Amino acid sequence: MLLEKHRDEQSMVLYRGRLKKGDTLITHNRELAVTEIVDQGIARISVSGDGSLSDLFEHFGAVPIPPYLKRDAEAIDQERYQTVFAELPGSVAAPTASLNMTGELFEKLQLQGVDIASLALHVGLGTFLPIRVDSFEEHVMHREFYSIPPSTVDKIRRTKAAGGRVVAVGTTVTRALEHASASITAFSGDAPLTGEADIFIYPGYQFRVIDLLLTNFHAPRSTVLMLTAALAGHGNLQKAYNEALLEGYNFLSYGDSMLIL
């Protein structure tokens, strides 16, 4: 699975099986060279000849739906596994909290006085890679690119100054805005505010931008679950999950959402 595209024609991929640096893979008459083993199941790959690895994936790949769905991607996934915000290519997965957002819902929110702002997110390993170390503080977050338009920065600053509340739709939005918190405060200019979020948020973290969070129900031993607990509080989150289990809520990507106030 293609994770990241880089300017030097090398790309980061997620793979199964055994690879080592220097291996050559052949697919669709193209040679792919393994230039680096980054982590368990993660490598950097370069492609020989004309075109790029992303072109190869575009022509011969499929939508990278979550593995726990236990099925192959279908044509409908081209539409269903996209959010209403989808515009620029670059994410390896949908920021799933916004899969439940629709144009009709936006209209209802705006009628209630809720202002809506957007930003560009390139979801990567930072969102869905599980915690594999015994002590979670040792977990290293992978970077995820974001770009926040000046208009969104302005809305956030005006909202905070007026005593309003900023609602993040999803944990990836939360990490991007919290990573950029200092830059948002000091922002001036007309260019987008860009960065690569590698912030690991867990209980004890003091949120600087986000006040409320709309998010899915997450898997155990995940960084997104820890982020959610940091905002909700462990006890409150435990009660919410117990209620969800008793009432038969759906978990994960195509599942139900909760709003943390």
Protein backbone atom coordinates (compact mmCIF):
# COMPACT_ATOMS: atom_id res chain seq x y z
CA MET A 1 0.00 0.00 0.00
CA LEU A 2 1.37 3.38 -0.99
CA LEU A 3 1.85 5.55 2.08
CA GLU A 4 3.82 8.61 1.01
CA LYS A 5 5.09 10.12 -2.21
CA HIS A 6 8.40 11.96 -2.15
CA ARG A 7 10.12 14.44 -4.45
CA ASP A 8 13.15 12.19 -4.94
CA GLU A 9 10.98 9.56 -6.69
CA GLN A 10 11.15 7.28 -3.67
CA SER A 11 7.91 6.36 -1.95
CA MET A 12 7.08 4.81 1.40
CA VAL A 13 4.95 1.67 1.26
CA LEU A 14 3.31 -0.77 3.63
CA TYR A 15 4.03 -4.39 2.71
CA ARG A 16 3.40 -7.97 3.78
CA GLY A 17 5.95 -10.76 3.77
CA ARG A 18 9.72 -10.41 4.00
CA LEU A 19 11.77 -7.77 2.28
CA LYS A 20 15.29 -6.48 2.76
CA LYS A 21 17.22 -3.51 1.45
CA GLY A 22 18.42 -4.18 -2.09
CA ASP A 23 15.57 -6.50 -3.08
CA THR A 24 14.01 -5.98 -6.51
CA LEU A 25 10.30 -6.52 -7.10
CA ILE A 26 8.81 -6.96 -10.57
CA THR A 27 5.19 -6.07 -11.29
CA HIS A 28 3.40 -5.06 -14.49
CA ASN A 29 6.76 -5.07 -16.32
CA ARG A 30 8.21 -2.53 -13.88
CA GLU A 31 11.12 -3.00 -11.49
CA LEU A 32 10.76 -1.71 -7.94
CA ALA A 33 13.89 -1.43 -5.80
CA VAL A 34 13.75 -1.62 -2.01
CA THR A 35 16.01 1.23 -0.91
CA GLU A 36 15.33 1.14 2.85
CA ILE A 37 13.46 -0.85 5.48
CA VAL A 38 11.96 1.89 7.64
CA ASP A 39 10.11 -0.18 10.23
CA GLN A 40 8.24 -3.44 10.62
CA GLY A 41 6.30 -3.83 7.37
CA ILE A 42 7.33 -0.39 6.07
CA ALA A 43 9.83 0.26 3.29
CA ARG A 44 11.00 2.89 0.82
CA ILE A 45 10.66 1.89 -2.82
CA SER A 46 11.93 3.43 -6.05
CA VAL A 47 10.59 2.54 -9.50
CA SER A 48 12.69 2.20 -12.64
CA GLY A 49 11.85 3.68 -16.02
CA ASP A 50 9.26 6.28 -16.89
CA GLY A 51 6.46 7.17 -14.54
CA SER A 52 6.20 7.00 -10.78
CA LEU A 53 5.12 4.49 -8.19
CA SER A 54 1.96 6.52 -7.60
CA ASP A 55 1.11 6.17 -11.32
CA LEU A 56 1.52 2.40 -11.00
CA PHE A 57 -0.82 2.30 -8.02
CA GLU A 58 -3.29 4.58 -9.77
CA HIS A 59 -3.57 2.27 -12.80
CA PHE A 60 -3.39 -1.14 -11.11
CA GLY A 61 -4.25 -0.60 -7.46
CA ALA A 62 -7.52 -0.59 -5.55
CA VAL A 63 -9.05 1.60 -2.87
CA PRO A 64 -7.21 0.77 0.42
CA ILE A 65 -10.28 -0.06 2.48
CA PRO A 66 -9.66 -1.12 6.11
CA PRO A 67 -8.44 -4.74 6.41
CA TYR A 68 -10.99 -5.57 9.14
CA LEU A 69 -13.75 -5.36 6.50
CA LYS A 70 -12.33 -8.70 5.28
CA ARG A 71 -13.27 -8.24 1.64
CA ASP A 72 -11.78 -6.89 -1.56
CA ALA A 73 -12.45 -3.31 -2.59
CA GLU A 74 -15.54 -2.85 -4.74
CA ALA A 75 -16.45 -0.16 -7.27
CA ILE A 76 -18.76 1.52 -4.75
CA ASP A 77 -15.81 2.04 -2.40
CA GLN A 78 -14.46 4.65 -4.83
CA GLU A 79 -17.35 6.80 -3.61
CA ARG A 80 -18.19 5.44 -0.16
CA TYR A 81 -14.65 5.52 1.20
CA GLN A 82 -14.35 9.24 0.53
CA THR A 83 -15.47 12.16 2.65
CA VAL A 84 -17.42 15.21 1.51
CA PHE A 85 -14.14 17.11 1.94
CA ALA A 86 -12.15 14.86 -0.44
CA GLU A 87 -10.36 16.99 -3.01
CA LEU A 88 -6.59 16.58 -3.15
CA PRO A 89 -4.87 13.18 -3.53
CA GLY A 90 -2.41 12.20 -0.81
CA SER A 91 -4.22 10.33 1.99
CA VAL A 92 -3.77 6.59 2.39
CA ALA A 93 -7.06 6.34 4.28
CA ALA A 94 -10.15 8.44 4.80
CA PRO A 95 -10.29 10.60 7.94
CA THR A 96 -13.20 8.45 9.05
CA ALA A 97 -15.04 10.78 11.44
CA SER A 98 -16.12 12.85 8.46
CA LEU A 99 -17.47 9.83 6.55
CA ASN A 100 -20.69 10.54 8.45
CA MET A 101 -20.82 14.17 7.33
CA THR A 102 -23.16 15.17 4.48
CA GLY A 103 -24.15 18.34 2.67
CA GLU A 104 -27.58 18.18 4.32
CA LEU A 105 -26.00 17.96 7.77
CA PHE A 106 -23.82 20.98 7.01
CA GLU A 107 -26.90 22.99 6.10
CA LYS A 108 -28.57 22.06 9.40
CA LEU A 109 -25.44 23.01 11.35
CA GLN A 110 -25.16 26.36 9.63
CA LEU A 111 -28.82 27.10 10.41
CA GLN A 112 -27.90 26.54 14.06
CA GLY A 113 -25.12 29.12 13.80
CA VAL A 114 -22.24 26.67 13.42
CA ASP A 115 -19.51 27.98 11.12
CA ILE A 116 -17.59 25.43 9.06
CA ALA A 117 -13.94 25.62 8.02
CA SER A 118 -11.75 23.09 6.24
CA LEU A 119 -8.11 22.08 5.95
CA ALA A 120 -6.13 19.58 3.87
CA LEU A 121 -5.07 16.35 5.58
CA HIS A 122 -2.88 13.60 4.17
CA VAL A 123 -3.72 10.72 6.49
CA GLY A 124 -0.82 8.31 6.90
CA LEU A 125 0.70 5.86 9.36
CA GLY A 126 0.47 8.35 12.20
CA THR A 127 -3.27 7.77 12.39
CA PHE A 128 -3.65 4.02 12.18
CA LEU A 129 -0.34 2.40 13.21
CA PRO A 130 -0.98 0.57 16.52
CA ILE A 131 1.14 0.96 19.64
CA ARG A 132 3.61 -1.94 19.62
CA VAL A 133 5.86 -0.98 22.54
CA ASP A 134 5.31 -1.97 26.17
CA SER A 135 5.50 1.62 27.39
CA PHE A 136 3.26 3.86 25.27
CA GLU A 137 5.49 6.89 25.91
CA GLU A 138 8.10 5.20 23.69
CA HIS A 139 5.76 5.08 20.69
CA VAL A 140 7.01 7.20 17.80
CA MET A 141 4.35 8.92 15.69
CA HIS A 142 4.83 9.04 11.94
CA ARG A 143 4.43 12.44 10.32
CA GLU A 144 1.28 13.44 8.46
CA PHE A 145 1.18 16.45 6.16
CA TYR A 146 -1.46 19.16 6.65
CA SER A 147 -2.26 22.51 5.08
CA ILE A 148 -4.48 25.04 6.84
CA PRO A 149 -5.87 27.89 4.67
CA PRO A 150 -5.51 31.43 6.04
CA SER A 151 -9.31 31.71 6.16
CA THR A 152 -9.48 28.71 8.51
CA VAL A 153 -6.72 30.10 10.72
CA ASP A 154 -8.62 33.40 10.89
CA LYS A 155 -11.89 31.67 11.84
CA ILE A 156 -10.16 29.71 14.61
CA ARG A 157 -8.54 32.82 16.04
CA ARG A 158 -11.75 34.87 15.91
CA THR A 159 -13.74 32.03 17.48
CA LYS A 160 -11.29 31.64 20.36
CA ALA A 161 -11.09 35.40 20.92
CA ALA A 162 -14.89 35.62 21.11
CA GLY A 163 -15.09 32.82 23.67
CA GLY A 164 -16.47 30.33 21.16
CA ARG A 165 -15.56 26.68 20.83
CA VAL A 166 -13.61 24.89 18.11
CA VAL A 167 -15.02 21.48 17.16
CA ALA A 168 -12.67 19.08 15.41
CA VAL A 169 -14.21 16.51 13.09
CA GLY A 170 -11.83 13.65 13.73
CA THR A 171 -8.57 12.89 15.50
CA THR A 172 -6.42 13.71 12.46
CA VAL A 173 -7.85 17.24 12.38
CA THR A 174 -7.18 17.45 16.11
CA ARG A 175 -3.54 16.43 15.75
CA ALA A 176 -2.99 18.86 12.87
CA LEU A 177 -4.48 21.83 14.71
CA GLU A 178 -2.75 21.03 17.99
CA HIS A 179 0.58 20.57 16.18
CA ALA A 180 0.06 23.98 14.55
CA SER A 181 -1.24 25.69 17.70
CA ALA A 182 1.74 28.00 18.21
CA SER A 183 1.79 28.93 14.53
CA ILE A 184 -1.97 29.63 14.56
CA THR A 185 -1.51 32.04 17.45
CA ALA A 186 1.32 33.92 15.74
CA PHE A 187 0.02 33.58 12.17
CA SER A 188 0.23 36.48 9.73
CA GLY A 189 0.24 36.30 5.96
CA ASP A 190 -1.78 34.98 3.07
CA ALA A 191 -0.12 31.59 2.45
CA PRO A 192 -1.50 28.33 3.88
CA LEU A 193 -0.08 27.17 7.19
CA THR A 194 1.60 23.83 6.42
CA GLY A 195 3.41 21.26 8.50
CA GLU A 196 3.85 17.57 9.28
CA ALA A 197 2.11 16.52 12.46
CA ASP A 198 4.07 14.05 14.57
CA ILE A 199 2.46 14.95 17.88
CA PHE A 200 1.43 12.06 20.16
CA ILE A 201 -1.53 13.11 22.31
CA TYR A 202 -2.42 11.01 25.36
CA PRO A 203 -4.03 11.64 28.79
CA GLY A 204 -2.40 14.57 30.55
CA TYR A 205 -2.08 16.62 27.37
CA GLN A 206 -3.40 20.20 27.57
CA PHE A 207 -5.36 21.08 24.42
CA ARG A 208 -4.60 24.50 22.99
CA VAL A 209 -6.95 24.77 20.00
CA ILE A 210 -9.59 22.03 20.21
CA ASP A 211 -12.55 22.32 22.57
CA LEU A 212 -14.89 19.60 21.25
CA LEU A 213 -14.28 16.47 19.20
CA LEU A 214 -16.51 14.44 16.89
CA THR A 215 -14.93 11.01 16.50
CA ASN A 216 -15.60 7.33 15.87
CA PHE A 217 -15.26 4.49 18.36
CA HIS A 218 -11.67 3.31 18.11
CA ALA A 219 -9.72 0.06 18.47
CA PRO A 220 -7.70 -0.86 21.60
CA ARG A 221 -3.98 0.00 21.74
CA SER A 222 -4.41 2.78 19.19
CA THR A 223 -3.06 6.31 19.36
CA VAL A 224 -6.45 7.71 18.35
CA LEU A 225 -8.07 6.02 21.36
CA MET A 226 -5.49 7.64 23.64
CA LEU A 227 -6.10 11.03 22.06
CA THR A 228 -9.82 10.62 22.63
CA ALA A 229 -9.19 9.69 26.27
CA ALA A 230 -7.02 12.77 26.69
CA LEU A 231 -9.97 15.02 25.82
CA ALA A 232 -12.85 13.05 27.35
CA GLY A 233 -11.12 11.68 30.42
CA HIS A 234 -10.57 7.94 30.89
CA GLY A 235 -13.63 7.43 33.11
CA ASN A 236 -16.02 9.27 30.82
CA LEU A 237 -14.69 7.45 27.77
CA GLN A 238 -15.08 4.07 29.52
CA LYS A 239 -18.74 4.86 30.23
CA ALA A 240 -19.31 5.85 26.60
CA TYR A 241 -17.77 2.63 25.29
CA ASN A 242 -19.77 0.50 27.73
CA GLU A 243 -22.95 2.21 26.53
CA ALA A 244 -21.95 1.66 22.90
CA LEU A 245 -21.36 -2.06 23.51
CA LEU A 246 -24.66 -2.48 25.36
CA GLU A 247 -26.62 -0.68 22.64
CA GLY A 248 -24.93 -2.41 19.73
CA TYR A 249 -23.19 0.62 18.22
CA ASN A 250 -20.98 0.07 15.18
CA PHE A 251 -17.26 0.65 15.70
CA LEU A 252 -14.42 1.85 13.42
CA SER A 253 -14.48 3.39 9.93
CA TYR A 254 -18.10 2.92 8.82
CA GLY A 255 -19.38 3.03 12.38
CA ASP A 256 -21.14 5.43 14.68
CA SER A 257 -19.70 8.64 16.08
CA MET A 258 -19.69 10.42 19.41
CA LEU A 259 -19.36 14.09 20.25
CA ILE A 260 -17.09 14.86 23.21
CA LEU A 261 -18.21 18.10 24.85
